[in-house]
């Protein structure tokens, strides 16, 4: 991999992490507004260390170890940073297991948003399908059946990975669904700052799963993942501090993030079945999709401002 590809991947990861975590930043800002100055400082300083180096460092390690257990727990850690040919080969041979599970997780994440969530609709067809839960179950069932059938032809471990991807999606989705209710409870209660920080750290961990799994669509190089996702996590913290109201004005950024999630998931799935997708394609597609929805949001914002 040349230096240009590495830089492209890092910035692509940073952008994807930041945009896909807009919801996380909004919740953080709301909860932090009711906390003491000392607690806010702790979350925005030590919290960054925990988010960047612990969560986003630990998750790739666990994922590599789970998909390439022959490396061993410590071997998976050293493999992330070494150029050992045996370790690299083991990770590449196990990559279909990682990619299929992560890809299915991301596709389900998109379907959940597309069919079930209230959203700022950028296109008329989004309005048509919004909150059509039966369509979600039918589409999800058909996609999972196809994925399981194809995976069964290739590897039983790929089937297991799909099941794990579904379970992880259900767990994280359930927590995110309760996040809004929990946020209102915290804002309207006298809960301690410590309990609020604990809640925000758990929420950040849940959102980081999306970013870490999506990162493997960009590259299997963990150092690049740590660099890109780490920068993205810092950007999210900066949005939380001073720019969240401005970010919220760009109504279609979430749409861009979710369409990026769909394409990243599809890239991971097709790569798990042996189709070669150059690593530079993923960040280019991410930049293009998010850039399109950013410009669409900016155009809407200008028209609203002009009409006032």
C-alpha atoms as a PDB file:
ATOM      1  CA  UNK A   1       0.000   0.000   0.000  1.00  0.00           C
ATOM      2  CA  UNK A   2       1.433   3.383  -1.010  1.00  0.00           C
ATOM      3  CA  UNK A   3       1.335   6.498   1.156  1.00  0.00           C
ATOM      4  CA  UNK A   4      -1.439   8.108  -0.917  1.00  0.00           C
ATOM      5  CA  UNK A   5      -3.762   5.129  -0.403  1.00  0.00           C
ATOM      6  CA  UNK A   6      -3.005   5.099   3.342  1.00  0.00           C
ATOM      7  CA  UNK A   7      -3.786   8.821   3.706  1.00  0.00           C
ATOM      8  CA  UNK A   8      -6.967   8.408   1.647  1.00  0.00           C
ATOM      9  CA  UNK A   9      -8.110   5.541   3.852  1.00  0.00           C
ATOM     10  CA  UNK A  10      -7.361   7.425   7.095  1.00  0.00           C
ATOM     11  CA  UNK A  11      -9.327  10.498   6.004  1.00  0.00           C
ATOM     12  CA  UNK A  12     -12.137   8.317   4.684  1.00  0.00           C
ATOM     13  CA  UNK A  13     -12.336   6.532   8.038  1.00  0.00           C
ATOM     14  CA  UNK A  14     -12.248   9.837   9.901  1.00  0.00           C
ATOM     15  CA  UNK A  15     -15.110  11.261   7.823  1.00  0.00           C
ATOM     16  CA  UNK A  16     -17.214   8.108   8.137  1.00  0.00           C
ATOM     17  CA  UNK A  17     -16.663   7.889  11.896  1.00  0.00           C
ATOM     18  CA  UNK A  18     -17.539  11.564  12.415  1.00  0.00           C
ATOM     19  CA  UNK A  19     -20.665  11.646  10.226  1.00  0.00           C
ATOM     20  CA  UNK A  20     -22.017   8.287  11.407  1.00  0.00           C
ATOM     21  CA  UNK A  21     -21.662   9.486  15.015  1.00  0.00           C
ATOM     22  CA  UNK A  22     -23.670  12.711  14.632  1.00  0.00           C
ATOM     23  CA  UNK A  23     -26.523  11.226  16.689  1.00  0.00           C
ATOM     24  CA  UNK A  24     -24.014  10.302  19.376  1.00  0.00           C
ATOM     25  CA  UNK A  25     -22.635  13.855  19.426  1.00  0.00           C
ATOM     26  CA  UNK A  26     -26.135  15.343  19.760  1.00  0.00           C
ATOM     27  CA  UNK A  27     -26.977  13.136  22.751  1.00  0.00           C
ATOM     28  CA  UNK A  28     -23.593  13.896  24.325  1.00  0.00           C
ATOM     29  CA  UNK A  29     -24.180  17.638  23.986  1.00  0.00           C
ATOM     30  CA  UNK A  30     -27.664  17.447  25.525  1.00  0.00           C
ATOM     31  CA  UNK A  31     -26.525  15.397  28.538  1.00  0.00           C
ATOM     32  CA  UNK A  32     -23.331  17.411  29.057  1.00  0.00           C
ATOM     33  CA  UNK A  33     -25.345  20.642  29.208  1.00  0.00           C
ATOM     34  CA  UNK A  34     -26.730  19.524  32.567  1.00  0.00           C
ATOM     35  CA  UNK A  35     -23.401  18.514  34.082  1.00  0.00           C
ATOM     36  CA  UNK A  36     -20.868  20.440  36.131  1.00  0.00           C
ATOM     37  CA  UNK A  37     -17.875  22.092  34.476  1.00  0.00           C
ATOM     38  CA  UNK A  38     -15.518  19.602  36.102  1.00  0.00           C
ATOM     39  CA  UNK A  39     -17.518  16.606  34.839  1.00  0.00           C
ATOM     40  CA  UNK A  40     -17.669  18.052  31.314  1.00  0.00           C
ATOM     41  CA  UNK A  41     -13.908  18.569  31.346  1.00  0.00           C
ATOM     42  CA  UNK A  42     -13.354  14.988  32.508  1.00  0.00           C
ATOM     43  CA  UNK A  43     -15.553  13.558  29.753  1.00  0.00           C
ATOM     44  CA  UNK A  44     -14.005  15.717  27.034  1.00  0.00           C
ATOM     45  CA  UNK A  45     -10.423  14.961  28.102  1.00  0.00           C
ATOM     46  CA  UNK A  46     -10.126  11.514  29.692  1.00  0.00           C
ATOM     47  CA  UNK A  47     -13.233  10.470  27.787  1.00  0.00           C
ATOM     48  CA  UNK A  48     -11.363  11.036  24.533  1.00  0.00           C
ATOM     49  CA  UNK A  49      -8.541   8.812  25.759  1.00  0.00           C
ATOM     50  CA  UNK A  50     -11.038   6.064  26.632  1.00  0.00           C
ATOM     51  CA  UNK A  51     -12.938   6.420  23.339  1.00  0.00           C
ATOM     52  CA  UNK A  52      -9.857   6.510  21.105  1.00  0.00           C
ATOM     53  CA  UNK A  53      -7.323   4.221  22.737  1.00  0.00           C
ATOM     54  CA  UNK A  54      -9.415   1.808  24.811  1.00  0.00           C
ATOM     55  CA  UNK A  55     -12.668   1.229  22.931  1.00  0.00           C
ATOM     56  CA  UNK A  56     -11.436   1.722  19.362  1.00  0.00           C
ATOM     57  CA  UNK A  57      -8.183  -0.054  20.218  1.00  0.00           C
ATOM     58  CA  UNK A  58      -9.745  -3.000  22.027  1.00  0.00           C
ATOM     59  CA  UNK A  59     -12.544  -3.764  19.573  1.00  0.00           C
ATOM     60  CA  UNK A  60     -10.319  -4.434  16.517  1.00  0.00           C
ATOM     61  CA  UNK A  61      -8.096  -6.630  18.700  1.00  0.00           C
ATOM     62  CA  UNK A  62     -11.078  -8.711  19.878  1.00  0.00           C
ATOM     63  CA  UNK A  63     -12.467  -8.940  16.325  1.00  0.00           C
ATOM     64  CA  UNK A  64      -9.132 -10.083  14.863  1.00  0.00           C
ATOM     65  CA  UNK A  65      -8.731 -12.653  17.653  1.00  0.00           C
ATOM     66  CA  UNK A  66     -12.301 -13.949  17.194  1.00  0.00           C
ATOM     67  CA  UNK A  67     -11.948 -14.390  13.435  1.00  0.00           C
ATOM     68  CA  UNK A  68      -8.373 -15.741  13.520  1.00  0.00           C
ATOM     69  CA  UNK A  69      -8.238 -17.719  16.820  1.00  0.00           C
ATOM     70  CA  UNK A  70      -5.209 -19.682  15.605  1.00  0.00           C
ATOM     71  CA  UNK A  71      -3.122 -16.577  16.333  1.00  0.00           C
ATOM     72  CA  UNK A  72      -3.991 -16.699  20.031  1.00  0.00           C
ATOM     73  CA  UNK A  73      -5.140 -13.757  22.156  1.00  0.00           C
ATOM     74  CA  UNK A  74      -1.715 -12.105  22.462  1.00  0.00           C
ATOM     75  CA  UNK A  75      -0.742 -13.116  18.939  1.00  0.00           C
ATOM     76  CA  UNK A  76      -3.788 -11.267  17.592  1.00  0.00           C
ATOM     77  CA  UNK A  77      -2.594  -8.124  19.374  1.00  0.00           C
ATOM     78  CA  UNK A  78       0.967  -8.284  18.015  1.00  0.00           C
ATOM     79  CA  UNK A  79      -0.366  -9.198  14.566  1.00  0.00           C
ATOM     80  CA  UNK A  80      -2.202  -5.869  14.392  1.00  0.00           C
ATOM     81  CA  UNK A  81       1.092  -3.961  14.342  1.00  0.00           C
ATOM     82  CA  UNK A  82       3.680  -6.399  13.022  1.00  0.00           C
ATOM     83  CA  UNK A  83       4.541  -7.318   9.479  1.00  0.00           C
ATOM     84  CA  UNK A  84       4.839 -11.011  10.356  1.00  0.00           C
ATOM     85  CA  UNK A  85       3.966 -12.890   7.156  1.00  0.00           C
ATOM     86  CA  UNK A  86       2.339 -15.770   9.063  1.00  0.00           C
ATOM     87  CA  UNK A  87       0.072 -13.402  10.964  1.00  0.00           C
ATOM     88  CA  UNK A  88      -0.815 -11.404   7.846  1.00  0.00           C
ATOM     89  CA  UNK A  89      -1.671 -14.607   5.988  1.00  0.00           C
ATOM     90  CA  UNK A  90      -3.823 -15.838   8.884  1.00  0.00           C
ATOM     91  CA  UNK A  91      -5.773 -12.558   8.976  1.00  0.00           C
ATOM     92  CA  UNK A  92      -6.280 -12.565   5.205  1.00  0.00           C
ATOM     93  CA  UNK A  93      -7.444 -16.185   5.208  1.00  0.00           C
ATOM     94  CA  UNK A  94      -9.917 -15.425   7.999  1.00  0.00           C
ATOM     95  CA  UNK A  95     -11.095 -12.170   6.431  1.00  0.00           C
ATOM     96  CA  UNK A  96     -14.217 -13.664   4.772  1.00  0.00           C
ATOM     97  CA  UNK A  97     -15.523 -14.588   8.229  1.00  0.00           C
ATOM     98  CA  UNK A  98     -14.962 -11.045   9.505  1.00  0.00           C
ATOM     99  CA  UNK A  99     -16.260  -9.343   6.368  1.00  0.00           C
ATOM    100  CA  UNK A 100     -19.522 -11.294   6.034  1.00  0.00           C
ATOM    101  CA  UNK A 101     -20.529 -10.723   9.662  1.00  0.00           C
ATOM    102  CA  UNK A 102     -19.611  -7.041   9.623  1.00  0.00           C
ATOM    103  CA  UNK A 103     -21.237  -6.538   6.224  1.00  0.00           C
ATOM    104  CA  UNK A 104     -24.539  -8.090   7.321  1.00  0.00           C
ATOM    105  CA  UNK A 105     -24.476  -5.935  10.470  1.00  0.00           C
ATOM    106  CA  UNK A 106     -24.094  -2.761   8.395  1.00  0.00           C
ATOM    107  CA  UNK A 107     -26.786  -3.736   5.873  1.00  0.00           C
ATOM    108  CA  UNK A 108     -29.228  -4.411   8.724  1.00  0.00           C
ATOM    109  CA  UNK A 109     -28.278  -1.055  10.239  1.00  0.00           C
ATOM    110  CA  UNK A 110     -29.226   0.663   6.985  1.00  0.00           C
ATOM    111  CA  UNK A 111     -32.506  -1.250   6.621  1.00  0.00           C
ATOM    112  CA  UNK A 112     -33.469  -0.337  10.185  1.00  0.00           C
ATOM    113  CA  UNK A 113     -32.929   3.354   9.460  1.00  0.00           C
ATOM    114  CA  UNK A 114     -34.487   3.207   5.983  1.00  0.00           C
ATOM    115  CA  UNK A 115     -37.714   1.412   6.910  1.00  0.00           C
ATOM    116  CA  UNK A 116     -38.256   2.092  10.617  1.00  0.00           C
ATOM    117  CA  UNK A 117     -36.861   5.452  11.710  1.00  0.00           C
ATOM    118  CA  UNK A 118     -38.279   8.934  11.356  1.00  0.00           C
ATOM    119  CA  UNK A 119     -35.942  10.932   9.156  1.00  0.00           C
ATOM    120  CA  UNK A 120     -35.462  14.077   7.118  1.00  0.00           C
ATOM    121  CA  UNK A 121     -36.318  12.585   3.743  1.00  0.00           C
ATOM    122  CA  UNK A 122     -33.996  13.650   0.945  1.00  0.00           C
ATOM    123  CA  UNK A 123     -35.946  11.730  -1.718  1.00  0.00           C
ATOM    124  CA  UNK A 124     -39.617  10.927  -2.280  1.00  0.00           C
ATOM    125  CA  UNK A 125     -39.074   7.166  -2.023  1.00  0.00           C
ATOM    126  CA  UNK A 126     -37.745   7.625   1.516  1.00  0.00           C
ATOM    127  CA  UNK A 127     -41.078   9.169   2.458  1.00  0.00           C
ATOM    128  CA  UNK A 128     -42.902   6.235   0.865  1.00  0.00           C
ATOM    129  CA  UNK A 129     -41.095   3.547   2.842  1.00  0.00           C
ATOM    130  CA  UNK A 130     -40.567   5.454   6.103  1.00  0.00           C
ATOM    131  CA  UNK A 131     -41.861   3.541   9.138  1.00  0.00           C
ATOM    132  CA  UNK A 132     -42.998   0.581   7.041  1.00  0.00           C
ATOM    133  CA  UNK A 133     -41.887  -2.074   9.541  1.00  0.00           C
ATOM    134  CA  UNK A 134     -43.404  -5.019   7.596  1.00  0.00           C
ATOM    135  CA  UNK A 135     -41.178  -4.029   4.654  1.00  0.00           C
ATOM    136  CA  UNK A 136     -38.193  -4.059   6.999  1.00  0.00           C
ATOM    137  CA  UNK A 137     -38.892  -7.620   8.131  1.00  0.00           C
ATOM    138  CA  UNK A 138     -39.613  -8.872   4.597  1.00  0.00           C
ATOM    139  CA  UNK A 139     -36.494  -7.263   3.118  1.00  0.00           C
ATOM    140  CA  UNK A 140     -34.287  -8.306   6.007  1.00  0.00           C
ATOM    141  CA  UNK A 141     -35.595 -11.875   5.911  1.00  0.00           C
ATOM    142  CA  UNK A 142     -34.971 -12.176   2.170  1.00  0.00           C
ATOM    143  CA  UNK A 143     -31.446 -10.724   2.397  1.00  0.00           C
ATOM    144  CA  UNK A 144     -30.497 -12.915   5.365  1.00  0.00           C
ATOM    145  CA  UNK A 145     -31.860 -16.041   3.669  1.00  0.00           C
ATOM    146  CA  UNK A 146     -29.810 -15.307   0.550  1.00  0.00           C
ATOM    147  CA  UNK A 147     -26.672 -14.512   2.545  1.00  0.00           C
ATOM    148  CA  UNK A 148     -26.998 -17.663   4.661  1.00  0.00           C
ATOM    149  CA  UNK A 149     -27.544 -19.846   1.598  1.00  0.00           C
ATOM    150  CA  UNK A 150     -24.518 -18.415  -0.219  1.00  0.00           C
ATOM    151  CA  UNK A 151     -22.356 -18.601   2.909  1.00  0.00           C
ATOM    152  CA  UNK A 152     -23.364 -22.230   3.491  1.00  0.00           C
ATOM    153  CA  UNK A 153     -21.954 -23.084   0.067  1.00  0.00           C
ATOM    154  CA  UNK A 154     -18.577 -21.675   1.081  1.00  0.00           C
ATOM    155  CA  UNK A 155     -17.970 -22.040   4.827  1.00  0.00           C
ATOM    156  CA  UNK A 156     -19.897 -22.955   7.963  1.00  0.00           C
ATOM    157  CA  UNK A 157     -17.896 -20.332   9.868  1.00  0.00           C
ATOM    158  CA  UNK A 158     -19.272 -17.679   7.531  1.00  0.00           C
ATOM    159  CA  UNK A 159     -22.776 -18.807   8.495  1.00  0.00           C
ATOM    160  CA  UNK A 160     -21.829 -18.462  12.171  1.00  0.00           C
ATOM    161  CA  UNK A 161     -20.423 -14.992  11.456  1.00  0.00           C
ATOM    162  CA  UNK A 162     -23.728 -13.908   9.889  1.00  0.00           C
ATOM    163  CA  UNK A 163     -25.595 -15.071  12.989  1.00  0.00           C
ATOM    164  CA  UNK A 164     -23.153 -13.187  15.211  1.00  0.00           C
ATOM    165  CA  UNK A 165     -23.603 -10.076  13.055  1.00  0.00           C
ATOM    166  CA  UNK A 166     -27.390 -10.294  13.481  1.00  0.00           C
ATOM    167  CA  UNK A 167     -27.092 -10.746  17.253  1.00  0.00           C
ATOM    168  CA  UNK A 168     -24.722  -7.769  17.589  1.00  0.00           C
ATOM    169  CA  UNK A 169     -27.114  -5.656  15.523  1.00  0.00           C
ATOM    170  CA  UNK A 170     -30.090  -6.605  17.715  1.00  0.00           C
ATOM    171  CA  UNK A 171     -28.191  -5.828  20.942  1.00  0.00           C
ATOM    172  CA  UNK A 172     -26.826  -2.471  19.780  1.00  0.00           C
ATOM    173  CA  UNK A 173     -30.140  -1.525  18.159  1.00  0.00           C
ATOM    174  CA  UNK A 174     -32.023  -2.226  21.389  1.00  0.00           C
ATOM    175  CA  UNK A 175     -29.640  -0.002  23.341  1.00  0.00           C
ATOM    176  CA  UNK A 176     -29.868   2.834  20.812  1.00  0.00           C
ATOM    177  CA  UNK A 177     -33.669   2.611  20.866  1.00  0.00           C
ATOM    178  CA  UNK A 178     -33.615   3.180  24.615  1.00  0.00           C
ATOM    179  CA  UNK A 179     -31.021   5.980  24.399  1.00  0.00           C
ATOM    180  CA  UNK A 180     -33.555   8.748  23.688  1.00  0.00           C
ATOM    181  CA  UNK A 181     -35.761   7.686  26.600  1.00  0.00           C
ATOM    182  CA  UNK A 182     -32.763   7.406  28.919  1.00  0.00           C
ATOM    183  CA  UNK A 183     -31.516  10.817  27.785  1.00  0.00           C
ATOM    184  CA  UNK A 184     -34.833  12.437  28.769  1.00  0.00           C
ATOM    185  CA  UNK A 185     -34.724  10.678  32.136  1.00  0.00           C
ATOM    186  CA  UNK A 186     -31.229  11.973  32.831  1.00  0.00           C
ATOM    187  CA  UNK A 187     -32.077  15.526  31.753  1.00  0.00           C
ATOM    188  CA  UNK A 188     -35.163  15.609  33.947  1.00  0.00           C
ATOM    189  CA  UNK A 189     -33.612  13.984  36.995  1.00  0.00           C
ATOM    190  CA  UNK A 190     -31.011  14.739  39.628  1.00  0.00           C
ATOM    191  CA  UNK A 191     -28.793  11.898  38.574  1.00  0.00           C
ATOM    192  CA  UNK A 192     -25.149  12.310  39.543  1.00  0.00           C
ATOM    193  CA  UNK A 193     -22.557  13.466  37.047  1.00  0.00           C
ATOM    194  CA  UNK A 194     -20.803  10.119  37.488  1.00  0.00           C
ATOM    195  CA  UNK A 195     -23.882   8.197  36.349  1.00  0.00           C
ATOM    196  CA  UNK A 196     -24.239  10.514  33.339  1.00  0.00           C
ATOM    197  CA  UNK A 197     -20.596  10.010  32.377  1.00  0.00           C
ATOM    198  CA  UNK A 198     -21.013   6.254  32.741  1.00  0.00           C
ATOM    199  CA  UNK A 199     -24.077   6.372  30.476  1.00  0.00           C
ATOM    200  CA  UNK A 200     -22.282   8.478  27.839  1.00  0.00           C
ATOM    201  CA  UNK A 201     -19.282   6.145  27.798  1.00  0.00           C
ATOM    202  CA  UNK A 202     -21.530   3.100  27.276  1.00  0.00           C
ATOM    203  CA  UNK A 203     -23.411   4.952  24.546  1.00  0.00           C
ATOM    204  CA  UNK A 204     -20.130   5.924  22.870  1.00  0.00           C
ATOM    205  CA  UNK A 205     -19.001   2.283  22.997  1.00  0.00           C
ATOM    206  CA  UNK A 206     -22.240   1.187  21.326  1.00  0.00           C
ATOM    207  CA  UNK A 207     -21.872   3.730  18.528  1.00  0.00           C
ATOM    208  CA  UNK A 208     -18.193   2.848  18.102  1.00  0.00           C
ATOM    209  CA  UNK A 209     -19.167  -0.697  17.089  1.00  0.00           C
ATOM    210  CA  UNK A 210     -20.701   0.727  13.896  1.00  0.00           C
ATOM    211  CA  UNK A 211     -17.529   2.644  13.134  1.00  0.00           C
ATOM    212  CA  UNK A 212     -15.115  -0.200  13.890  1.00  0.00           C
ATOM    213  CA  UNK A 213     -17.025  -2.789  11.845  1.00  0.00           C
ATOM    214  CA  UNK A 214     -17.437  -0.311   9.001  1.00  0.00           C
ATOM    215  CA  UNK A 215     -13.717   0.407   9.135  1.00  0.00           C
ATOM    216  CA  UNK A 216     -12.905  -3.113   7.977  1.00  0.00           C
ATOM    217  CA  UNK A 217     -14.631  -2.241   4.690  1.00  0.00           C
ATOM    218  CA  UNK A 218     -11.857   0.327   4.176  1.00  0.00           C
ATOM    219  CA  UNK A 219      -8.900  -1.831   5.182  1.00  0.00           C
ATOM    220  CA  UNK A 220      -7.749  -4.807   7.234  1.00  0.00           C
ATOM    221  CA  UNK A 221      -4.802  -2.758   8.499  1.00  0.00           C
ATOM    222  CA  UNK A 222      -5.538  -2.104  12.170  1.00  0.00           C
ATOM    223  CA  UNK A 223      -3.032   0.784  12.544  1.00  0.00           C
ATOM    224  CA  UNK A 224      -4.878   2.647   9.788  1.00  0.00           C
ATOM    225  CA  UNK A 225      -8.212   1.844  11.464  1.00  0.00           C
ATOM    226  CA  UNK A 226      -6.940   3.164  14.800  1.00  0.00           C
ATOM    227  CA  UNK A 227      -5.637   6.346  13.172  1.00  0.00           C
ATOM    228  CA  UNK A 228      -8.775   7.047  11.142  1.00  0.00           C
ATOM    229  CA  UNK A 229     -11.325   6.127  13.797  1.00  0.00           C
ATOM    230  CA  UNK A 230      -9.292   7.888  16.471  1.00  0.00           C
ATOM    231  CA  UNK A 231      -9.282  11.136  14.496  1.00  0.00           C
ATOM    232  CA  UNK A 232     -12.999  10.684  13.863  1.00  0.00           C
ATOM    233  CA  UNK A 233     -13.679  10.236  17.580  1.00  0.00           C
ATOM    234  CA  UNK A 234     -11.808  13.480  18.331  1.00  0.00           C
ATOM    235  CA  UNK A 235     -13.874  15.279  15.667  1.00  0.00           C
ATOM    236  CA  UNK A 236     -17.063  13.965  17.295  1.00  0.00           C
ATOM    237  CA  UNK A 237     -15.919  15.378  20.649  1.00  0.00           C
ATOM    238  CA  UNK A 238     -15.233  18.744  19.004  1.00  0.00           C
ATOM    239  CA  UNK A 239     -18.709  18.734  17.461  1.00  0.00           C
ATOM    240  CA  UNK A 240     -20.098  17.999  20.911  1.00  0.00           C
ATOM    241  CA  UNK A 241     -18.314  21.011  22.427  1.00  0.00           C
ATOM    242  CA  UNK A 242     -18.944  23.852  20.027  1.00  0.00           C
ATOM    243  CA  UNK A 243     -20.448  22.993  16.673  1.00  0.00           C
ATOM    244  CA  UNK A 244     -23.385  20.689  17.350  1.00  0.00           C
ATOM    245  CA  UNK A 245     -26.098  23.304  16.673  1.00  0.00           C
ATOM    246  CA  UNK A 246     -24.462  24.166  13.375  1.00  0.00           C
ATOM    247  CA  UNK A 247     -24.130  20.484  12.449  1.00  0.00           C
ATOM    248  CA  UNK A 248     -27.829  19.887  13.219  1.00  0.00           C
ATOM    249  CA  UNK A 249     -28.759  22.470  10.577  1.00  0.00           C
ATOM    250  CA  UNK A 250     -27.428  20.175   7.853  1.00  0.00           C
ATOM    251  CA  UNK A 251     -30.480  17.954   7.799  1.00  0.00           C
ATOM    252  CA  UNK A 252     -29.311  15.269   5.379  1.00  0.00           C
ATOM    253  CA  UNK A 253     -25.955  14.378   6.927  1.00  0.00           C
ATOM    254  CA  UNK A 254     -27.530  11.357   8.642  1.00  0.00           C
ATOM    255  CA  UNK A 255     -28.865  10.229   5.255  1.00  0.00           C
ATOM    256  CA  UNK A 256     -25.354  10.414   3.833  1.00  0.00           C
ATOM    257  CA  UNK A 257     -23.969   8.423   6.738  1.00  0.00           C
ATOM    258  CA  UNK A 258     -26.572   5.686   6.338  1.00  0.00           C
ATOM    259  CA  UNK A 259     -26.173   5.351   2.567  1.00  0.00           C
ATOM    260  CA  UNK A 260     -22.439   5.088   3.193  1.00  0.00           C
ATOM    261  CA  UNK A 261     -23.190   2.325   5.702  1.00  0.00           C
ATOM    262  CA  UNK A 262     -25.180   0.458   3.022  1.00  0.00           C
ATOM    263  CA  UNK A 263     -22.397   0.611   0.454  1.00  0.00           C
ATOM    264  CA  UNK A 264     -19.716  -0.308   3.006  1.00  0.00           C
ATOM    265  CA  UNK A 265     -21.809  -3.307   4.075  1.00  0.00           C
ATOM    266  CA  UNK A 266     -22.278  -4.422   0.468  1.00  0.00           C
ATOM    267  CA  UNK A 267     -18.548  -4.039  -0.225  1.00  0.00           C
ATOM    268  CA  UNK A 268     -17.770  -6.227   2.786  1.00  0.00           C
ATOM    269  CA  UNK A 269     -20.253  -8.906   1.740  1.00  0.00           C
ATOM    270  CA  UNK A 270     -19.053  -9.171  -1.870  1.00  0.00           C
ATOM    271  CA  UNK A 271     -15.414  -9.172  -0.744  1.00  0.00           C
ATOM    272  CA  UNK A 272     -16.184 -12.036   1.648  1.00  0.00           C
ATOM    273  CA  UNK A 273     -17.138 -14.127  -1.399  1.00  0.00           C
ATOM    274  CA  UNK A 274     -13.866 -13.391  -3.145  1.00  0.00           C
ATOM    275  CA  UNK A 275     -14.667 -10.345  -5.273  1.00  0.00           C
ATOM    276  CA  UNK A 276     -11.658  -8.014  -5.302  1.00  0.00           C
ATOM    277  CA  UNK A 277     -12.486  -4.387  -4.477  1.00  0.00           C
ATOM    278  CA  UNK A 278      -9.483  -2.001  -4.433  1.00  0.00           C
ATOM    279  CA  UNK A 279      -9.040  -0.325  -1.050  1.00  0.00           C
ATOM    280  CA  UNK A 280      -9.137   3.162  -2.593  1.00  0.00           C
ATOM    281  CA  UNK A 281     -12.698   2.571  -3.849  1.00  0.00           C
ATOM    282  CA  UNK A 282     -14.243   2.588  -0.363  1.00  0.00           C
ATOM    283  CA  UNK A 283     -13.016   6.039   0.782  1.00  0.00           C
ATOM    284  CA  UNK A 284     -13.821   7.539  -2.646  1.00  0.00           C
ATOM    285  CA  UNK A 285     -17.402   6.232  -2.461  1.00  0.00           C
ATOM    286  CA  UNK A 286     -17.704   7.500   1.129  1.00  0.00           C
ATOM    287  CA  UNK A 287     -16.436  10.989   0.200  1.00  0.00           C
ATOM    288  CA  UNK A 288     -18.807  11.088  -2.787  1.00  0.00           C
ATOM    289  CA  UNK A 289     -21.943  10.012  -0.910  1.00  0.00           C
ATOM    290  CA  UNK A 290     -21.394  12.224   2.128  1.00  0.00           C
ATOM    291  CA  UNK A 291     -20.321  15.139  -0.075  1.00  0.00           C
ATOM    292  CA  UNK A 292     -23.521  14.810  -2.119  1.00  0.00           C
ATOM    293  CA  UNK A 293     -25.766  14.898   0.947  1.00  0.00           C
ATOM    294  CA  UNK A 294     -23.733  17.724   2.485  1.00  0.00           C
ATOM    295  CA  UNK A 295     -24.289  19.848  -0.625  1.00  0.00           C
ATOM    296  CA  UNK A 296     -27.965  18.897  -0.659  1.00  0.00           C
ATOM    297  CA  UNK A 297     -28.218  19.969   2.998  1.00  0.00           C
ATOM    298  CA  UNK A 298     -26.382  23.210   2.260  1.00  0.00           C
ATOM    299  CA  UNK A 299     -28.730  23.989  -0.626  1.00  0.00           C
ATOM    300  CA  UNK A 300     -31.766  23.426   1.597  1.00  0.00           C
ATOM    301  CA  UNK A 301     -30.257  25.595   4.345  1.00  0.00           C
ATOM    302  CA  UNK A 302     -29.647  28.439   1.878  1.00  0.00           C
ATOM    303  CA  UNK A 303     -33.203  28.257   0.533  1.00  0.00           C
ATOM    304  CA  UNK A 304     -34.639  28.321   4.066  1.00  0.00           C
ATOM    305  CA  UNK A 305     -32.432  31.286   5.001  1.00  0.00           C
ATOM    306  CA  UNK A 306     -33.419  33.177   1.853  1.00  0.00           C
ATOM    307  CA  UNK A 307     -37.112  32.663   2.517  1.00  0.00           C
ATOM    308  CA  UNK A 308     -36.923  34.226   6.004  1.00  0.00           C
END
